[in-house]
């Protein structure tokens, strides 16, 4: 422990001078509690993993055609009801406040080239991807997390980095909206089903994400059972390209993946349930239902 009894780095824990996240999250080794590693739901072999993701995604998309329009109507009934935004008064300039000229509105999928061009000249570097589990480039071993074979810190620190990152985006969304009449720019990342297993072909949660020029994430999460939606808030770390977010006011449950992973049709996502547990789920890109195509400004 440090003489001040805190054990945290003098800079407040986890942030580098350049604003990026420290690999160890600012915790000293003796402060890092043990926790169980997550078990990947995908095969270890890279080719098998790719095929498994594709099959997983196709199972969901094939079923999506049966109720896509129902989802669209249910979502709009909740999202457009009076007072929805009043439930989250701290979000002053989410993506839904902005106009756009995208062909399929917020259903529009981001491409690698489009995302790279979005931050052109901002020093984001080459695209990075995150593939979780023993067969991927991010895995847990002996309570530490490894990325491309390098130890990037403890599992608890890794979770706390994701929490800090998501909360930094929420803090920016809570700032007063600009009054200079300049429209804030948002790039849609698409609409994804959040699937907890390959057997779940009708996922409960569907999420929509967009990112602005500062790397802030904004979106919505819709529950197909309760037919209620909550806003998503988060951010992207330009150094690591990790993207993390949370739904509503629940800052204890954080989802994360690489920002360039969100250009894929299927990608793994880690969901951290506090510091106690992490699960790997699948994000499956959904095509816009016919009614959304007809209302491309939505």
C-alpha atoms as a PDB file:
ATOM      1  CA  UNK A   1       0.000   0.000   0.000  1.00  0.00           C
ATOM      2  CA  UNK A   2       1.112   3.584  -0.527  1.00  0.00           C
ATOM      3  CA  UNK A   3       1.820   5.790   2.519  1.00  0.00           C
ATOM      4  CA  UNK A   4      -1.505   7.526   1.978  1.00  0.00           C
ATOM      5  CA  UNK A   5      -3.276   4.194   2.510  1.00  0.00           C
ATOM      6  CA  UNK A   6      -4.963   4.227  -0.852  1.00  0.00           C
ATOM      7  CA  UNK A   7      -2.786   2.032  -3.013  1.00  0.00           C
ATOM      8  CA  UNK A   8      -3.951   3.875  -6.125  1.00  0.00           C
ATOM      9  CA  UNK A   9      -1.712   5.732  -8.511  1.00  0.00           C
ATOM     10  CA  UNK A  10      -1.370   9.477  -7.813  1.00  0.00           C
ATOM     11  CA  UNK A  11      -3.265  10.272 -11.019  1.00  0.00           C
ATOM     12  CA  UNK A  12      -6.497   8.846  -9.638  1.00  0.00           C
ATOM     13  CA  UNK A  13      -6.249   5.255 -10.773  1.00  0.00           C
ATOM     14  CA  UNK A  14      -5.936   3.881 -14.210  1.00  0.00           C
ATOM     15  CA  UNK A  15      -5.495   6.858 -16.528  1.00  0.00           C
ATOM     16  CA  UNK A  16      -2.270   7.530 -18.409  1.00  0.00           C
ATOM     17  CA  UNK A  17      -1.080  11.133 -18.809  1.00  0.00           C
ATOM     18  CA  UNK A  18      -2.257  10.985 -22.454  1.00  0.00           C
ATOM     19  CA  UNK A  19      -5.778  10.071 -21.361  1.00  0.00           C
ATOM     20  CA  UNK A  20      -5.579   6.377 -22.230  1.00  0.00           C
ATOM     21  CA  UNK A  21      -6.142   3.584 -19.738  1.00  0.00           C
ATOM     22  CA  UNK A  22      -3.241   2.066 -17.831  1.00  0.00           C
ATOM     23  CA  UNK A  23      -2.883  -1.681 -18.438  1.00  0.00           C
ATOM     24  CA  UNK A  24      -3.202  -2.472 -14.719  1.00  0.00           C
ATOM     25  CA  UNK A  25      -6.058  -0.048 -14.010  1.00  0.00           C
ATOM     26  CA  UNK A  26      -3.982   1.718 -11.342  1.00  0.00           C
ATOM     27  CA  UNK A  27      -4.147  -1.171  -8.839  1.00  0.00           C
ATOM     28  CA  UNK A  28      -1.120  -2.611  -7.090  1.00  0.00           C
ATOM     29  CA  UNK A  29      -0.706  -6.422  -7.368  1.00  0.00           C
ATOM     30  CA  UNK A  30      -1.697  -7.090  -3.756  1.00  0.00           C
ATOM     31  CA  UNK A  31      -5.013  -5.323  -4.339  1.00  0.00           C
ATOM     32  CA  UNK A  32      -6.150  -7.520  -7.215  1.00  0.00           C
ATOM     33  CA  UNK A  33      -8.687 -10.087  -5.935  1.00  0.00           C
ATOM     34  CA  UNK A  34      -9.012 -13.423  -7.696  1.00  0.00           C
ATOM     35  CA  UNK A  35     -12.122 -14.081  -9.761  1.00  0.00           C
ATOM     36  CA  UNK A  36     -13.189 -16.889 -12.092  1.00  0.00           C
ATOM     37  CA  UNK A  37     -12.372 -16.543 -15.794  1.00  0.00           C
ATOM     38  CA  UNK A  38     -15.193 -16.664 -18.314  1.00  0.00           C
ATOM     39  CA  UNK A  39     -15.623 -19.697 -20.537  1.00  0.00           C
ATOM     40  CA  UNK A  40     -15.741 -18.954 -24.246  1.00  0.00           C
ATOM     41  CA  UNK A  41     -18.817 -20.225 -26.078  1.00  0.00           C
ATOM     42  CA  UNK A  42     -16.819 -20.683 -29.292  1.00  0.00           C
ATOM     43  CA  UNK A  43     -14.366 -23.369 -30.476  1.00  0.00           C
ATOM     44  CA  UNK A  44     -10.617 -22.803 -30.060  1.00  0.00           C
ATOM     45  CA  UNK A  45      -9.834 -23.329 -33.746  1.00  0.00           C
ATOM     46  CA  UNK A  46      -9.959 -20.027 -35.656  1.00  0.00           C
ATOM     47  CA  UNK A  47     -11.728 -21.445 -38.709  1.00  0.00           C
ATOM     48  CA  UNK A  48     -14.278 -23.248 -36.561  1.00  0.00           C
ATOM     49  CA  UNK A  49     -14.858 -20.069 -34.557  1.00  0.00           C
ATOM     50  CA  UNK A  50     -15.648 -18.119 -37.715  1.00  0.00           C
ATOM     51  CA  UNK A  51     -18.040 -20.787 -38.974  1.00  0.00           C
ATOM     52  CA  UNK A  52     -19.705 -21.051 -35.566  1.00  0.00           C
ATOM     53  CA  UNK A  53     -20.279 -17.305 -35.409  1.00  0.00           C
ATOM     54  CA  UNK A  54     -21.768 -17.312 -38.902  1.00  0.00           C
ATOM     55  CA  UNK A  55     -24.114 -20.201 -38.089  1.00  0.00           C
ATOM     56  CA  UNK A  56     -25.086 -18.527 -34.817  1.00  0.00           C
ATOM     57  CA  UNK A  57     -25.878 -15.277 -36.621  1.00  0.00           C
ATOM     58  CA  UNK A  58     -27.789 -16.915 -39.450  1.00  0.00           C
ATOM     59  CA  UNK A  59     -30.011 -18.759 -36.992  1.00  0.00           C
ATOM     60  CA  UNK A  60     -31.028 -15.445 -35.451  1.00  0.00           C
ATOM     61  CA  UNK A  61     -31.443 -13.562 -38.727  1.00  0.00           C
ATOM     62  CA  UNK A  62     -33.536 -16.368 -40.232  1.00  0.00           C
ATOM     63  CA  UNK A  63     -35.890 -16.114 -37.283  1.00  0.00           C
ATOM     64  CA  UNK A  64     -35.788 -12.308 -37.300  1.00  0.00           C
ATOM     65  CA  UNK A  65     -37.724 -12.222 -40.570  1.00  0.00           C
ATOM     66  CA  UNK A  66     -40.741 -13.587 -38.709  1.00  0.00           C
ATOM     67  CA  UNK A  67     -41.081 -10.681 -36.296  1.00  0.00           C
ATOM     68  CA  UNK A  68     -38.858  -7.790 -37.412  1.00  0.00           C
ATOM     69  CA  UNK A  69     -41.787  -5.485 -38.132  1.00  0.00           C
ATOM     70  CA  UNK A  70     -43.372  -6.337 -34.769  1.00  0.00           C
ATOM     71  CA  UNK A  71     -40.140  -5.303 -33.056  1.00  0.00           C
ATOM     72  CA  UNK A  72     -40.018  -2.072 -35.033  1.00  0.00           C
ATOM     73  CA  UNK A  73     -43.557  -1.112 -34.031  1.00  0.00           C
ATOM     74  CA  UNK A  74     -43.050  -2.054 -30.382  1.00  0.00           C
ATOM     75  CA  UNK A  75     -39.803  -0.116 -30.200  1.00  0.00           C
ATOM     76  CA  UNK A  76     -41.291   3.033 -31.715  1.00  0.00           C
ATOM     77  CA  UNK A  77     -44.322   2.843 -29.430  1.00  0.00           C
ATOM     78  CA  UNK A  78     -42.021   2.957 -26.416  1.00  0.00           C
ATOM     79  CA  UNK A  79     -39.290   5.256 -27.746  1.00  0.00           C
ATOM     80  CA  UNK A  80     -41.756   7.892 -28.966  1.00  0.00           C
ATOM     81  CA  UNK A  81     -44.040   7.858 -25.965  1.00  0.00           C
ATOM     82  CA  UNK A  82     -44.262  11.166 -24.067  1.00  0.00           C
ATOM     83  CA  UNK A  83     -41.724  11.393 -21.300  1.00  0.00           C
ATOM     84  CA  UNK A  84     -39.269   8.718 -22.514  1.00  0.00           C
ATOM     85  CA  UNK A  85     -36.382  11.183 -22.579  1.00  0.00           C
ATOM     86  CA  UNK A  86     -37.524  12.696 -19.284  1.00  0.00           C
ATOM     87  CA  UNK A  87     -36.605   9.419 -17.600  1.00  0.00           C
ATOM     88  CA  UNK A  88     -32.939  10.197 -18.355  1.00  0.00           C
ATOM     89  CA  UNK A  89     -32.608  13.980 -18.037  1.00  0.00           C
ATOM     90  CA  UNK A  90     -28.792  13.791 -17.851  1.00  0.00           C
ATOM     91  CA  UNK A  91     -28.500  12.766 -21.505  1.00  0.00           C
ATOM     92  CA  UNK A  92     -28.512  16.076 -23.297  1.00  0.00           C
ATOM     93  CA  UNK A  93     -27.323  15.250 -26.800  1.00  0.00           C
ATOM     94  CA  UNK A  94     -27.729  11.578 -27.594  1.00  0.00           C
ATOM     95  CA  UNK A  95     -27.804  10.416 -31.186  1.00  0.00           C
ATOM     96  CA  UNK A  96     -31.605  10.566 -31.352  1.00  0.00           C
ATOM     97  CA  UNK A  97     -31.517  14.377 -31.159  1.00  0.00           C
ATOM     98  CA  UNK A  98     -29.676  14.618 -34.479  1.00  0.00           C
ATOM     99  CA  UNK A  99     -30.717  14.459 -38.099  1.00  0.00           C
ATOM    100  CA  UNK A 100     -28.900  12.268 -40.591  1.00  0.00           C
ATOM    101  CA  UNK A 101     -28.853  11.319 -44.239  1.00  0.00           C
ATOM    102  CA  UNK A 102     -28.150   7.598 -43.943  1.00  0.00           C
ATOM    103  CA  UNK A 103     -30.078   5.326 -46.296  1.00  0.00           C
ATOM    104  CA  UNK A 104     -31.501   3.084 -43.565  1.00  0.00           C
ATOM    105  CA  UNK A 105     -31.295   5.540 -40.718  1.00  0.00           C
ATOM    106  CA  UNK A 106     -29.737   4.164 -37.574  1.00  0.00           C
ATOM    107  CA  UNK A 107     -29.922   0.650 -39.037  1.00  0.00           C
ATOM    108  CA  UNK A 108     -27.084   1.587 -41.388  1.00  0.00           C
ATOM    109  CA  UNK A 109     -24.036  -0.656 -40.865  1.00  0.00           C
ATOM    110  CA  UNK A 110     -20.633   0.948 -40.370  1.00  0.00           C
ATOM    111  CA  UNK A 111     -17.777  -0.259 -42.566  1.00  0.00           C
ATOM    112  CA  UNK A 112     -14.078  -0.450 -41.748  1.00  0.00           C
ATOM    113  CA  UNK A 113     -13.341   2.286 -44.286  1.00  0.00           C
ATOM    114  CA  UNK A 114     -16.191   4.448 -43.059  1.00  0.00           C
ATOM    115  CA  UNK A 115     -15.122   4.154 -39.438  1.00  0.00           C
ATOM    116  CA  UNK A 116     -11.474   4.853 -40.269  1.00  0.00           C
ATOM    117  CA  UNK A 117     -12.461   7.901 -42.290  1.00  0.00           C
ATOM    118  CA  UNK A 118     -14.712   9.072 -39.460  1.00  0.00           C
ATOM    119  CA  UNK A 119     -11.612   9.688 -37.315  1.00  0.00           C
ATOM    120  CA  UNK A 120      -9.209  10.594 -40.120  1.00  0.00           C
ATOM    121  CA  UNK A 121      -6.372  12.728 -38.806  1.00  0.00           C
ATOM    122  CA  UNK A 122      -7.205  12.044 -35.159  1.00  0.00           C
ATOM    123  CA  UNK A 123      -4.400   9.546 -34.536  1.00  0.00           C
ATOM    124  CA  UNK A 124      -6.563   6.456 -34.006  1.00  0.00           C
ATOM    125  CA  UNK A 125      -4.099   4.144 -35.747  1.00  0.00           C
ATOM    126  CA  UNK A 126      -4.753   0.906 -37.601  1.00  0.00           C
ATOM    127  CA  UNK A 127      -7.940  -1.051 -36.849  1.00  0.00           C
ATOM    128  CA  UNK A 128      -7.704  -3.432 -33.894  1.00  0.00           C
ATOM    129  CA  UNK A 129      -9.997  -6.400 -33.235  1.00  0.00           C
ATOM    130  CA  UNK A 130     -10.868  -8.310 -30.082  1.00  0.00           C
ATOM    131  CA  UNK A 131     -11.569 -12.059 -30.186  1.00  0.00           C
ATOM    132  CA  UNK A 132     -12.318 -13.442 -26.729  1.00  0.00           C
ATOM    133  CA  UNK A 133     -11.489 -16.842 -25.268  1.00  0.00           C
ATOM    134  CA  UNK A 134      -8.684 -19.396 -25.437  1.00  0.00           C
ATOM    135  CA  UNK A 135      -8.877 -19.539 -29.222  1.00  0.00           C
ATOM    136  CA  UNK A 136      -8.836 -15.750 -29.621  1.00  0.00           C
ATOM    137  CA  UNK A 137      -6.387 -12.926 -28.979  1.00  0.00           C
ATOM    138  CA  UNK A 138      -7.924 -11.911 -25.628  1.00  0.00           C
ATOM    139  CA  UNK A 139      -8.010 -14.530 -22.893  1.00  0.00           C
ATOM    140  CA  UNK A 140      -7.894 -14.871 -19.108  1.00  0.00           C
ATOM    141  CA  UNK A 141      -5.147 -16.904 -17.429  1.00  0.00           C
ATOM    142  CA  UNK A 142      -4.224 -17.068 -13.726  1.00  0.00           C
ATOM    143  CA  UNK A 143      -6.505 -14.094 -13.022  1.00  0.00           C
ATOM    144  CA  UNK A 144      -4.737 -11.929 -15.601  1.00  0.00           C
ATOM    145  CA  UNK A 145      -5.918 -10.826 -19.034  1.00  0.00           C
ATOM    146  CA  UNK A 146      -3.768 -11.264 -22.129  1.00  0.00           C
ATOM    147  CA  UNK A 147      -4.090  -9.420 -25.434  1.00  0.00           C
ATOM    148  CA  UNK A 148      -2.048 -10.794 -28.334  1.00  0.00           C
ATOM    149  CA  UNK A 149       0.028 -12.751 -25.831  1.00  0.00           C
ATOM    150  CA  UNK A 150       0.860  -9.754 -23.636  1.00  0.00           C
ATOM    151  CA  UNK A 151      -0.266  -9.424 -20.041  1.00  0.00           C
ATOM    152  CA  UNK A 152      -2.459  -6.302 -19.855  1.00  0.00           C
ATOM    153  CA  UNK A 153      -3.355  -6.541 -16.157  1.00  0.00           C
ATOM    154  CA  UNK A 154      -5.630  -8.342 -13.765  1.00  0.00           C
ATOM    155  CA  UNK A 155      -9.173  -9.368 -14.640  1.00  0.00           C
ATOM    156  CA  UNK A 156     -10.561  -6.940 -12.048  1.00  0.00           C
ATOM    157  CA  UNK A 157      -8.487  -4.096 -13.467  1.00  0.00           C
ATOM    158  CA  UNK A 158      -9.646  -4.988 -16.977  1.00  0.00           C
ATOM    159  CA  UNK A 159     -13.274  -4.763 -15.856  1.00  0.00           C
ATOM    160  CA  UNK A 160     -12.664  -1.483 -14.066  1.00  0.00           C
ATOM    161  CA  UNK A 161     -11.109  -0.015 -17.184  1.00  0.00           C
ATOM    162  CA  UNK A 162     -14.293  -0.833 -19.083  1.00  0.00           C
ATOM    163  CA  UNK A 163     -16.360   0.774 -16.321  1.00  0.00           C
ATOM    164  CA  UNK A 164     -14.247   3.933 -16.338  1.00  0.00           C
ATOM    165  CA  UNK A 165     -14.434   4.159 -20.107  1.00  0.00           C
ATOM    166  CA  UNK A 166     -18.224   3.778 -20.239  1.00  0.00           C
ATOM    167  CA  UNK A 167     -18.703   6.326 -17.484  1.00  0.00           C
ATOM    168  CA  UNK A 168     -16.469   8.817 -19.295  1.00  0.00           C
ATOM    169  CA  UNK A 169     -18.858   8.677 -22.247  1.00  0.00           C
ATOM    170  CA  UNK A 170     -21.875   9.133 -19.983  1.00  0.00           C
ATOM    171  CA  UNK A 171     -20.193  12.186 -18.452  1.00  0.00           C
ATOM    172  CA  UNK A 172     -19.761  13.745 -21.889  1.00  0.00           C
ATOM    173  CA  UNK A 173     -23.369  13.009 -22.822  1.00  0.00           C
ATOM    174  CA  UNK A 174     -24.449  14.766 -19.624  1.00  0.00           C
ATOM    175  CA  UNK A 175     -22.724  18.007 -20.633  1.00  0.00           C
ATOM    176  CA  UNK A 176     -25.006  20.810 -21.857  1.00  0.00           C
ATOM    177  CA  UNK A 177     -25.749  20.590 -25.556  1.00  0.00           C
ATOM    178  CA  UNK A 178     -23.980  23.136 -27.731  1.00  0.00           C
ATOM    179  CA  UNK A 179     -25.894  26.308 -28.472  1.00  0.00           C
ATOM    180  CA  UNK A 180     -24.011  27.275 -31.626  1.00  0.00           C
ATOM    181  CA  UNK A 181     -26.630  25.688 -33.915  1.00  0.00           C
ATOM    182  CA  UNK A 182     -24.076  23.222 -35.226  1.00  0.00           C
ATOM    183  CA  UNK A 183     -25.567  19.770 -35.615  1.00  0.00           C
ATOM    184  CA  UNK A 184     -23.595  17.141 -33.723  1.00  0.00           C
ATOM    185  CA  UNK A 185     -22.417  14.369 -36.025  1.00  0.00           C
ATOM    186  CA  UNK A 186     -23.111  10.713 -35.282  1.00  0.00           C
ATOM    187  CA  UNK A 187     -22.093   7.658 -37.284  1.00  0.00           C
ATOM    188  CA  UNK A 188     -24.542   4.744 -37.002  1.00  0.00           C
ATOM    189  CA  UNK A 189     -22.962   1.396 -36.126  1.00  0.00           C
ATOM    190  CA  UNK A 190     -26.117  -0.600 -36.764  1.00  0.00           C
ATOM    191  CA  UNK A 191     -28.656  -2.682 -34.890  1.00  0.00           C
ATOM    192  CA  UNK A 192     -27.659  -5.928 -33.168  1.00  0.00           C
ATOM    193  CA  UNK A 193     -29.385  -8.762 -31.362  1.00  0.00           C
ATOM    194  CA  UNK A 194     -27.658  -9.641 -28.082  1.00  0.00           C
ATOM    195  CA  UNK A 195     -27.611 -13.439 -27.910  1.00  0.00           C
ATOM    196  CA  UNK A 196     -26.544 -15.362 -24.818  1.00  0.00           C
ATOM    197  CA  UNK A 197     -26.256 -18.754 -26.566  1.00  0.00           C
ATOM    198  CA  UNK A 198     -26.518 -20.358 -29.987  1.00  0.00           C
ATOM    199  CA  UNK A 199     -29.852 -21.874 -28.942  1.00  0.00           C
ATOM    200  CA  UNK A 200     -31.323 -18.424 -28.342  1.00  0.00           C
ATOM    201  CA  UNK A 201     -32.618 -17.647 -31.815  1.00  0.00           C
ATOM    202  CA  UNK A 202     -35.061 -14.998 -30.546  1.00  0.00           C
ATOM    203  CA  UNK A 203     -32.900 -12.873 -28.228  1.00  0.00           C
ATOM    204  CA  UNK A 204     -34.561 -10.794 -25.557  1.00  0.00           C
ATOM    205  CA  UNK A 205     -32.395  -7.739 -26.155  1.00  0.00           C
ATOM    206  CA  UNK A 206     -31.839  -5.722 -29.324  1.00  0.00           C
ATOM    207  CA  UNK A 207     -29.443  -2.777 -29.265  1.00  0.00           C
ATOM    208  CA  UNK A 208     -28.729   0.179 -31.521  1.00  0.00           C
ATOM    209  CA  UNK A 209     -25.434   2.100 -31.363  1.00  0.00           C
ATOM    210  CA  UNK A 210     -23.890   5.219 -32.873  1.00  0.00           C
ATOM    211  CA  UNK A 211     -20.577   6.994 -32.244  1.00  0.00           C
ATOM    212  CA  UNK A 212     -19.654  10.653 -32.527  1.00  0.00           C
ATOM    213  CA  UNK A 213     -16.412  12.329 -33.582  1.00  0.00           C
ATOM    214  CA  UNK A 214     -15.130  12.336 -29.988  1.00  0.00           C
ATOM    215  CA  UNK A 215     -15.607   8.587 -29.589  1.00  0.00           C
ATOM    216  CA  UNK A 216     -18.725   8.874 -27.407  1.00  0.00           C
ATOM    217  CA  UNK A 217     -21.240   6.041 -27.808  1.00  0.00           C
ATOM    218  CA  UNK A 218     -24.985   6.577 -27.702  1.00  0.00           C
ATOM    219  CA  UNK A 219     -27.789   4.161 -28.400  1.00  0.00           C
ATOM    220  CA  UNK A 220     -30.803   2.273 -27.136  1.00  0.00           C
ATOM    221  CA  UNK A 221     -31.405  -1.196 -25.722  1.00  0.00           C
ATOM    222  CA  UNK A 222     -34.854  -2.697 -26.263  1.00  0.00           C
ATOM    223  CA  UNK A 223     -36.304  -5.563 -24.242  1.00  0.00           C
ATOM    224  CA  UNK A 224     -38.568  -7.612 -26.509  1.00  0.00           C
ATOM    225  CA  UNK A 225     -40.370  -9.165 -23.525  1.00  0.00           C
ATOM    226  CA  UNK A 226     -41.187  -6.032 -21.516  1.00  0.00           C
ATOM    227  CA  UNK A 227     -41.317  -3.903 -24.703  1.00  0.00           C
ATOM    228  CA  UNK A 228     -39.352  -1.193 -22.931  1.00  0.00           C
ATOM    229  CA  UNK A 229     -36.178   0.544 -24.043  1.00  0.00           C
ATOM    230  CA  UNK A 230     -33.293   2.192 -22.215  1.00  0.00           C
ATOM    231  CA  UNK A 231     -30.538   4.460 -23.504  1.00  0.00           C
ATOM    232  CA  UNK A 232     -27.004   3.172 -23.972  1.00  0.00           C
ATOM    233  CA  UNK A 233     -24.080   5.357 -22.918  1.00  0.00           C
ATOM    234  CA  UNK A 234     -20.383   4.717 -23.371  1.00  0.00           C
ATOM    235  CA  UNK A 235     -17.155   5.589 -25.122  1.00  0.00           C
ATOM    236  CA  UNK A 236     -14.229   4.313 -27.177  1.00  0.00           C
ATOM    237  CA  UNK A 237     -10.615   4.465 -25.967  1.00  0.00           C
ATOM    238  CA  UNK A 238      -8.597   5.755 -28.955  1.00  0.00           C
ATOM    239  CA  UNK A 239      -5.426   4.003 -27.757  1.00  0.00           C
ATOM    240  CA  UNK A 240      -6.834   0.495 -27.310  1.00  0.00           C
ATOM    241  CA  UNK A 241      -9.975   0.936 -29.474  1.00  0.00           C
ATOM    242  CA  UNK A 242     -11.974  -0.799 -26.738  1.00  0.00           C
ATOM    243  CA  UNK A 243     -15.627   0.283 -26.797  1.00  0.00           C
ATOM    244  CA  UNK A 244     -17.693  -0.086 -23.637  1.00  0.00           C
ATOM    245  CA  UNK A 245     -21.206   0.958 -22.628  1.00  0.00           C
ATOM    246  CA  UNK A 246     -24.025   0.401 -20.142  1.00  0.00           C
ATOM    247  CA  UNK A 247     -27.821   0.507 -20.346  1.00  0.00           C
ATOM    248  CA  UNK A 248     -30.028   2.934 -18.439  1.00  0.00           C
ATOM    249  CA  UNK A 249     -28.536   3.774 -15.041  1.00  0.00           C
ATOM    250  CA  UNK A 250     -26.955   0.363 -14.452  1.00  0.00           C
ATOM    251  CA  UNK A 251     -23.256   1.182 -14.293  1.00  0.00           C
ATOM    252  CA  UNK A 252     -22.452  -2.191 -12.695  1.00  0.00           C
ATOM    253  CA  UNK A 253     -23.183  -4.155 -15.885  1.00  0.00           C
ATOM    254  CA  UNK A 254     -20.786  -3.134 -18.641  1.00  0.00           C
ATOM    255  CA  UNK A 255     -20.580  -4.500 -22.182  1.00  0.00           C
ATOM    256  CA  UNK A 256     -17.434  -4.171 -24.272  1.00  0.00           C
ATOM    257  CA  UNK A 257     -15.886  -5.135 -27.574  1.00  0.00           C
ATOM    258  CA  UNK A 258     -13.530  -3.518 -30.079  1.00  0.00           C
ATOM    259  CA  UNK A 259     -15.018  -0.608 -31.994  1.00  0.00           C
ATOM    260  CA  UNK A 260     -13.967  -2.225 -35.294  1.00  0.00           C
ATOM    261  CA  UNK A 261     -15.635  -5.463 -34.192  1.00  0.00           C
ATOM    262  CA  UNK A 262     -18.876  -3.549 -34.657  1.00  0.00           C
ATOM    263  CA  UNK A 263     -18.273  -3.427 -38.417  1.00  0.00           C
ATOM    264  CA  UNK A 264     -18.769  -7.226 -38.525  1.00  0.00           C
ATOM    265  CA  UNK A 265     -22.056  -9.060 -38.950  1.00  0.00           C
ATOM    266  CA  UNK A 266     -21.339 -11.220 -35.896  1.00  0.00           C
ATOM    267  CA  UNK A 267     -18.936 -10.450 -33.074  1.00  0.00           C
ATOM    268  CA  UNK A 268     -18.329 -11.535 -29.516  1.00  0.00           C
ATOM    269  CA  UNK A 269     -18.977  -9.104 -26.686  1.00  0.00           C
ATOM    270  CA  UNK A 270     -17.869  -9.338 -23.061  1.00  0.00           C
ATOM    271  CA  UNK A 271     -20.422  -8.422 -20.407  1.00  0.00           C
ATOM    272  CA  UNK A 272     -18.970  -7.631 -16.982  1.00  0.00           C
ATOM    273  CA  UNK A 273     -21.362  -8.091 -14.053  1.00  0.00           C
ATOM    274  CA  UNK A 274     -19.545  -5.960 -11.517  1.00  0.00           C
ATOM    275  CA  UNK A 275     -16.122  -7.283 -10.524  1.00  0.00           C
ATOM    276  CA  UNK A 276     -17.481 -10.751  -9.826  1.00  0.00           C
ATOM    277  CA  UNK A 277     -18.335 -12.285 -13.185  1.00  0.00           C
ATOM    278  CA  UNK A 278     -17.764 -11.868 -16.925  1.00  0.00           C
ATOM    279  CA  UNK A 279     -19.721 -13.604 -19.702  1.00  0.00           C
ATOM    280  CA  UNK A 280     -19.147 -13.790 -23.431  1.00  0.00           C
ATOM    281  CA  UNK A 281     -22.246 -13.161 -25.569  1.00  0.00           C
ATOM    282  CA  UNK A 282     -22.745 -12.635 -29.301  1.00  0.00           C
ATOM    283  CA  UNK A 283     -23.807  -9.502 -31.165  1.00  0.00           C
ATOM    284  CA  UNK A 284     -25.605 -10.343 -34.401  1.00  0.00           C
ATOM    285  CA  UNK A 285     -26.279  -7.585 -36.903  1.00  0.00           C
ATOM    286  CA  UNK A 286     -29.933  -7.392 -37.936  1.00  0.00           C
ATOM    287  CA  UNK A 287     -31.234  -6.219 -41.297  1.00  0.00           C
ATOM    288  CA  UNK A 288     -33.812  -3.424 -41.229  1.00  0.00           C
ATOM    289  CA  UNK A 289     -37.414  -4.625 -41.367  1.00  0.00           C
ATOM    290  CA  UNK A 290     -39.510  -3.486 -44.305  1.00  0.00           C
ATOM    291  CA  UNK A 291     -41.219  -0.741 -42.305  1.00  0.00           C
ATOM    292  CA  UNK A 292     -37.846   0.683 -41.288  1.00  0.00           C
ATOM    293  CA  UNK A 293     -36.764   0.744 -44.937  1.00  0.00           C
ATOM    294  CA  UNK A 294     -39.921   2.627 -45.789  1.00  0.00           C
ATOM    295  CA  UNK A 295     -39.203   5.141 -43.025  1.00  0.00           C
ATOM    296  CA  UNK A 296     -35.506   5.634 -43.694  1.00  0.00           C
ATOM    297  CA  UNK A 297     -35.438   8.828 -41.663  1.00  0.00           C
ATOM    298  CA  UNK A 298     -36.109   6.901 -38.440  1.00  0.00           C
END
